[in-house]
C-alpha cells in the first residue's frame, strides 16, 4: 500500500454549523472555548509523524 506524504482537506458548509470548531478540535486536540465568526477562510495545520521499520 502506498503511503501518503501530505493530505489537504477542504471543509465546506453553511455558516454557523461549526466548521472552524471541528477543524480546531481535530488539529489542536482541544475544544474551541469561545468561537467567533470566521469571515473568508481560516487555516489550521496538524503534523503527524509515523515511523515504520
PDB file of N, CA and C in Angstrom:
ATOM      1  N   UNK A   1       0.852  -1.183   0.000  1.00  0.00           N
ATOM      2  CA  UNK A   1       0.000   0.000   0.000  1.00  0.00           C
ATOM      3  C   UNK A   1       0.890   1.236   0.000  1.00  0.00           C
ATOM      4  N   UNK A   2       0.561   2.201  -0.806  1.00  0.00           N
ATOM      5  CA  UNK A   2       1.345   3.430  -0.904  1.00  0.00           C
ATOM      6  C   UNK A   2       1.099   4.321   0.309  1.00  0.00           C
ATOM      7  N   UNK A   3       2.141   4.993   0.747  1.00  0.00           N
ATOM      8  CA  UNK A   3       1.994   5.909   1.875  1.00  0.00           C
ATOM      9  C   UNK A   3       1.702   7.315   1.367  1.00  0.00           C
ATOM     10  N   UNK A   4       1.002   8.084   2.179  1.00  0.00           N
ATOM     11  CA  UNK A   4       0.676   9.460   1.841  1.00  0.00           C
ATOM     12  C   UNK A   4       1.623  10.377   2.579  1.00  0.00           C
ATOM     13  N   UNK A   5       2.298  11.260   1.844  1.00  0.00           N
ATOM     14  CA  UNK A   5       3.196  12.216   2.470  1.00  0.00           C
ATOM     15  C   UNK A   5       2.442  13.433   2.974  1.00  0.00           C
ATOM     16  N   UNK A   6       1.412  13.831   2.254  1.00  0.00           N
ATOM     17  CA  UNK A   6       0.696  15.058   2.595  1.00  0.00           C
ATOM     18  C   UNK A   6      -0.750  14.934   2.139  1.00  0.00           C
ATOM     19  N   UNK A   7      -1.644  15.399   2.978  1.00  0.00           N
ATOM     20  CA  UNK A   7      -3.069  15.392   2.645  1.00  0.00           C
ATOM     21  C   UNK A   7      -3.621  16.773   2.929  1.00  0.00           C
ATOM     22  N   UNK A   8      -4.382  17.313   1.996  1.00  0.00           N
ATOM     23  CA  UNK A   8      -5.052  18.597   2.197  1.00  0.00           C
ATOM     24  C   UNK A   8      -6.549  18.333   2.248  1.00  0.00           C
ATOM     25  N   UNK A   9      -7.202  18.942   3.224  1.00  0.00           N
ATOM     26  CA  UNK A   9      -8.634  18.738   3.406  1.00  0.00           C
ATOM     27  C   UNK A   9      -9.322  20.085   3.344  1.00  0.00           C
ATOM     28  N   UNK A  10     -10.388  20.165   2.595  1.00  0.00           N
ATOM     29  CA  UNK A  10     -11.195  21.371   2.471  1.00  0.00           C
ATOM     30  C   UNK A  10     -12.537  21.110   3.145  1.00  0.00           C
ATOM     31  N   UNK A  11     -12.898  21.943   4.105  1.00  0.00           N
ATOM     32  CA  UNK A  11     -14.153  21.776   4.837  1.00  0.00           C
ATOM     33  C   UNK A  11     -15.117  22.858   4.371  1.00  0.00           C
ATOM     34  N   UNK A  12     -16.249  22.435   3.848  1.00  0.00           N
ATOM     35  CA  UNK A  12     -17.265  23.359   3.333  1.00  0.00           C
ATOM     36  C   UNK A  12     -18.589  23.130   4.038  1.00  0.00           C
ATOM     37  N   UNK A  13     -19.376  24.168   4.149  1.00  0.00           N
ATOM     38  CA  UNK A  13     -20.707  24.026   4.723  1.00  0.00           C
ATOM     39  C   UNK A  13     -21.356  25.372   4.949  1.00  0.00           C
ATOM     40  N   UNK A  14     -22.592  25.331   5.388  1.00  0.00           N
ATOM     41  CA  UNK A  14     -23.343  26.550   5.678  1.00  0.00           C
ATOM     42  C   UNK A  14     -22.719  27.306   6.838  1.00  0.00           C
ATOM     43  N   UNK A  15     -23.044  28.583   6.935  1.00  0.00           N
ATOM     44  CA  UNK A  15     -22.499  29.394   8.025  1.00  0.00           C
ATOM     45  C   UNK A  15     -23.102  28.972   9.360  1.00  0.00           C
ATOM     46  N   UNK A  16     -22.273  28.995  10.377  1.00  0.00           N
ATOM     47  CA  UNK A  16     -22.744  28.721  11.725  1.00  0.00           C
ATOM     48  C   UNK A  16     -22.908  27.263  12.095  1.00  0.00           C
ATOM     49  N   UNK A  17     -22.398  26.341  11.281  1.00  0.00           N
ATOM     50  CA  UNK A  17     -22.584  24.920  11.596  1.00  0.00           C
ATOM     51  C   UNK A  17     -21.425  24.323  12.384  1.00  0.00           C
ATOM     52  N   UNK A  18     -20.300  25.050  12.530  1.00  0.00           N
ATOM     53  CA  UNK A  18     -19.191  24.564  13.347  1.00  0.00           C
ATOM     54  C   UNK A  18     -17.993  24.036  12.589  1.00  0.00           C
ATOM     55  N   UNK A  19     -17.799  24.487  11.366  1.00  0.00           N
ATOM     56  CA  UNK A  19     -16.654  24.024  10.578  1.00  0.00           C
ATOM     57  C   UNK A  19     -15.334  24.393  11.242  1.00  0.00           C
ATOM     58  N   UNK A  20     -15.188  25.635  11.661  1.00  0.00           N
ATOM     59  CA  UNK A  20     -13.944  26.080  12.296  1.00  0.00           C
ATOM     60  C   UNK A  20     -13.718  25.368  13.626  1.00  0.00           C
ATOM     61  N   UNK A  21     -14.781  25.143  14.381  1.00  0.00           N
ATOM     62  CA  UNK A  21     -14.662  24.432  15.651  1.00  0.00           C
ATOM     63  C   UNK A  21     -14.226  22.994  15.435  1.00  0.00           C
ATOM     64  N   UNK A  22     -14.759  22.340  14.419  1.00  0.00           N
ATOM     65  CA  UNK A  22     -14.374  20.971  14.106  1.00  0.00           C
ATOM     66  C   UNK A  22     -12.915  20.886  13.695  1.00  0.00           C
ATOM     67  N   UNK A  23     -12.484  21.779  12.818  1.00  0.00           N
ATOM     68  CA  UNK A  23     -11.094  21.772  12.361  1.00  0.00           C
ATOM     69  C   UNK A  23     -10.149  22.068  13.522  1.00  0.00           C
ATOM     70  N   UNK A  24     -10.515  23.007  14.381  1.00  0.00           N
ATOM     71  CA  UNK A  24      -9.693  23.332  15.543  1.00  0.00           C
ATOM     72  C   UNK A  24      -9.581  22.122  16.475  1.00  0.00           C
ATOM     73  N   UNK A  25     -10.680  21.419  16.696  1.00  0.00           N
ATOM     74  CA  UNK A  25     -10.670  20.236  17.551  1.00  0.00           C
ATOM     75  C   UNK A  25      -9.782  19.147  16.971  1.00  0.00           C
ATOM     76  N   UNK A  26      -9.864  18.912  15.680  1.00  0.00           N
ATOM     77  CA  UNK A  26      -9.056  17.876  15.052  1.00  0.00           C
ATOM     78  C   UNK A  26      -7.571  18.225  15.012  1.00  0.00           C
ATOM     79  N   UNK A  27      -7.250  19.493  14.825  1.00  0.00           N
ATOM     80  CA  UNK A  27      -5.848  19.901  14.693  1.00  0.00           C
ATOM     81  C   UNK A  27      -5.184  20.196  16.034  1.00  0.00           C
ATOM     82  N   UNK A  28      -5.906  20.738  16.986  1.00  0.00           N
ATOM     83  CA  UNK A  28      -5.310  21.167  18.256  1.00  0.00           C
ATOM     84  C   UNK A  28      -5.653  20.247  19.429  1.00  0.00           C
ATOM     85  N   UNK A  29      -6.542  19.288  19.217  1.00  0.00           N
ATOM     86  CA  UNK A  29      -6.999  18.363  20.268  1.00  0.00           C
ATOM     87  C   UNK A  29      -7.592  19.093  21.472  1.00  0.00           C
ATOM     88  N   UNK A  30      -8.250  20.193  21.237  1.00  0.00           N
ATOM     89  CA  UNK A  30      -8.932  20.907  22.314  1.00  0.00           C
ATOM     90  C   UNK A  30     -10.148  21.626  21.742  1.00  0.00           C
ATOM     91  N   UNK A  31     -11.155  21.754  22.587  1.00  0.00           N
ATOM     92  CA  UNK A  31     -12.395  22.407  22.172  1.00  0.00           C
ATOM     93  C   UNK A  31     -12.163  23.910  22.092  1.00  0.00           C
ATOM     94  N   UNK A  32     -12.711  24.524  21.071  1.00  0.00           N
ATOM     95  CA  UNK A  32     -12.626  25.970  20.904  1.00  0.00           C
ATOM     96  C   UNK A  32     -13.632  26.603  21.858  1.00  0.00           C
ATOM     97  N   UNK A  33     -13.134  27.206  22.943  1.00  0.00           N
ATOM     98  CA  UNK A  33     -13.971  27.678  24.035  1.00  0.00           C
ATOM     99  C   UNK A  33     -14.989  28.731  23.666  1.00  0.00           C
ATOM    100  N   UNK A  34     -14.566  29.787  23.010  1.00  0.00           N
ATOM    101  CA  UNK A  34     -15.459  30.887  22.665  1.00  0.00           C
ATOM    102  C   UNK A  34     -15.264  31.211  21.185  1.00  0.00           C
ATOM    103  N   UNK A  35     -15.875  30.422  20.297  1.00  0.00           N
ATOM    104  CA  UNK A  35     -15.644  30.635  18.862  1.00  0.00           C
ATOM    105  C   UNK A  35     -16.250  31.940  18.362  1.00  0.00           C
ATOM    106  N   UNK A  36     -15.554  32.571  17.460  1.00  0.00           N
ATOM    107  CA  UNK A  36     -16.077  33.777  16.824  1.00  0.00           C
ATOM    108  C   UNK A  36     -16.351  33.455  15.357  1.00  0.00           C
ATOM    109  N   UNK A  37     -17.090  34.327  14.704  1.00  0.00           N
ATOM    110  CA  UNK A  37     -17.394  34.113  13.292  1.00  0.00           C
ATOM    111  C   UNK A  37     -16.121  34.176  12.471  1.00  0.00           C
ATOM    112  N   UNK A  38     -15.958  33.239  11.577  1.00  0.00           N
ATOM    113  CA  UNK A  38     -14.821  33.219  10.653  1.00  0.00           C
ATOM    114  C   UNK A  38     -15.285  33.824   9.337  1.00  0.00           C
ATOM    115  N   UNK A  39     -14.642  34.900   8.924  1.00  0.00           N
ATOM    116  CA  UNK A  39     -15.005  35.564   7.678  1.00  0.00           C
ATOM    117  C   UNK A  39     -13.959  35.204   6.635  1.00  0.00           C
ATOM    118  N   UNK A  40     -14.395  34.661   5.517  1.00  0.00           N
ATOM    119  CA  UNK A  40     -13.465  34.287   4.462  1.00  0.00           C
ATOM    120  C   UNK A  40     -12.961  32.883   4.665  1.00  0.00           C
ATOM    121  N   UNK A  41     -11.772  32.763   5.228  1.00  0.00           N
ATOM    122  CA  UNK A  41     -11.219  31.435   5.440  1.00  0.00           C
ATOM    123  C   UNK A  41     -10.325  31.421   6.672  1.00  0.00           C
ATOM    124  N   UNK A  42     -10.089  30.239   7.158  1.00  0.00           N
ATOM    125  CA  UNK A  42      -9.211  30.022   8.293  1.00  0.00           C
ATOM    126  C   UNK A  42      -8.328  28.832   7.955  1.00  0.00           C
ATOM    127  N   UNK A  43      -7.073  28.885   8.342  1.00  0.00           N
ATOM    128  CA  UNK A  43      -6.131  27.814   8.028  1.00  0.00           C
ATOM    129  C   UNK A  43      -5.589  27.262   9.329  1.00  0.00           C
ATOM    130  N   UNK A  44      -5.568  25.936   9.434  1.00  0.00           N
ATOM    131  CA  UNK A  44      -5.009  25.266  10.597  1.00  0.00           C
ATOM    132  C   UNK A  44      -4.211  24.071  10.090  1.00  0.00           C
ATOM    133  N   UNK A  45      -3.151  23.720  10.794  1.00  0.00           N
ATOM    134  CA  UNK A  45      -2.247  22.664  10.340  1.00  0.00           C
ATOM    135  C   UNK A  45      -2.040  21.659  11.461  1.00  0.00           C
ATOM    136  N   UNK A  46      -2.038  20.387  11.107  1.00  0.00           N
ATOM    137  CA  UNK A  46      -1.692  19.341  12.049  1.00  0.00           C
ATOM    138  C   UNK A  46      -0.622  18.478  11.397  1.00  0.00           C
ATOM    139  N   UNK A  47       0.466  18.255  12.109  1.00  0.00           N
ATOM    140  CA  UNK A  47       1.571  17.450  11.599  1.00  0.00           C
ATOM    141  C   UNK A  47       1.593  16.136  12.370  1.00  0.00           C
ATOM    142  N   UNK A  48       1.576  15.046  11.643  1.00  0.00           N
ATOM    143  CA  UNK A  48       1.656  13.720  12.241  1.00  0.00           C
ATOM    144  C   UNK A  48       2.913  13.028  11.727  1.00  0.00           C
ATOM    145  N   UNK A  49       3.650  12.426  12.631  1.00  0.00           N
ATOM    146  CA  UNK A  49       4.829  11.679  12.242  1.00  0.00           C
ATOM    147  C   UNK A  49       4.557  10.199  12.438  1.00  0.00           C
ATOM    148  N   UNK A  50       4.960   9.411  11.481  1.00  0.00           N
ATOM    149  CA  UNK A  50       4.790   7.963  11.577  1.00  0.00           C
ATOM    150  C   UNK A  50       6.107   7.328  11.144  1.00  0.00           C
ATOM    151  N   UNK A  51       6.654   6.508  12.015  1.00  0.00           N
ATOM    152  CA  UNK A  51       7.906   5.835  11.703  1.00  0.00           C
ATOM    153  C   UNK A  51       7.645   4.345  11.536  1.00  0.00           C
ATOM    154  N   UNK A  52       8.100   3.809  10.437  1.00  0.00           N
ATOM    155  CA  UNK A  52       7.975   2.373  10.208  1.00  0.00           C
ATOM    156  C   UNK A  52       9.367   1.798  10.024  1.00  0.00           C
ATOM    157  N   UNK A  53       9.528   0.597  10.495  1.00  0.00           N
ATOM    158  CA  UNK A  53      10.846  -0.057  10.366  1.00  0.00           C
ATOM    159  C   UNK A  53      10.771  -1.225   9.436  1.00  0.00           C
TER     160      UNK A  53
END
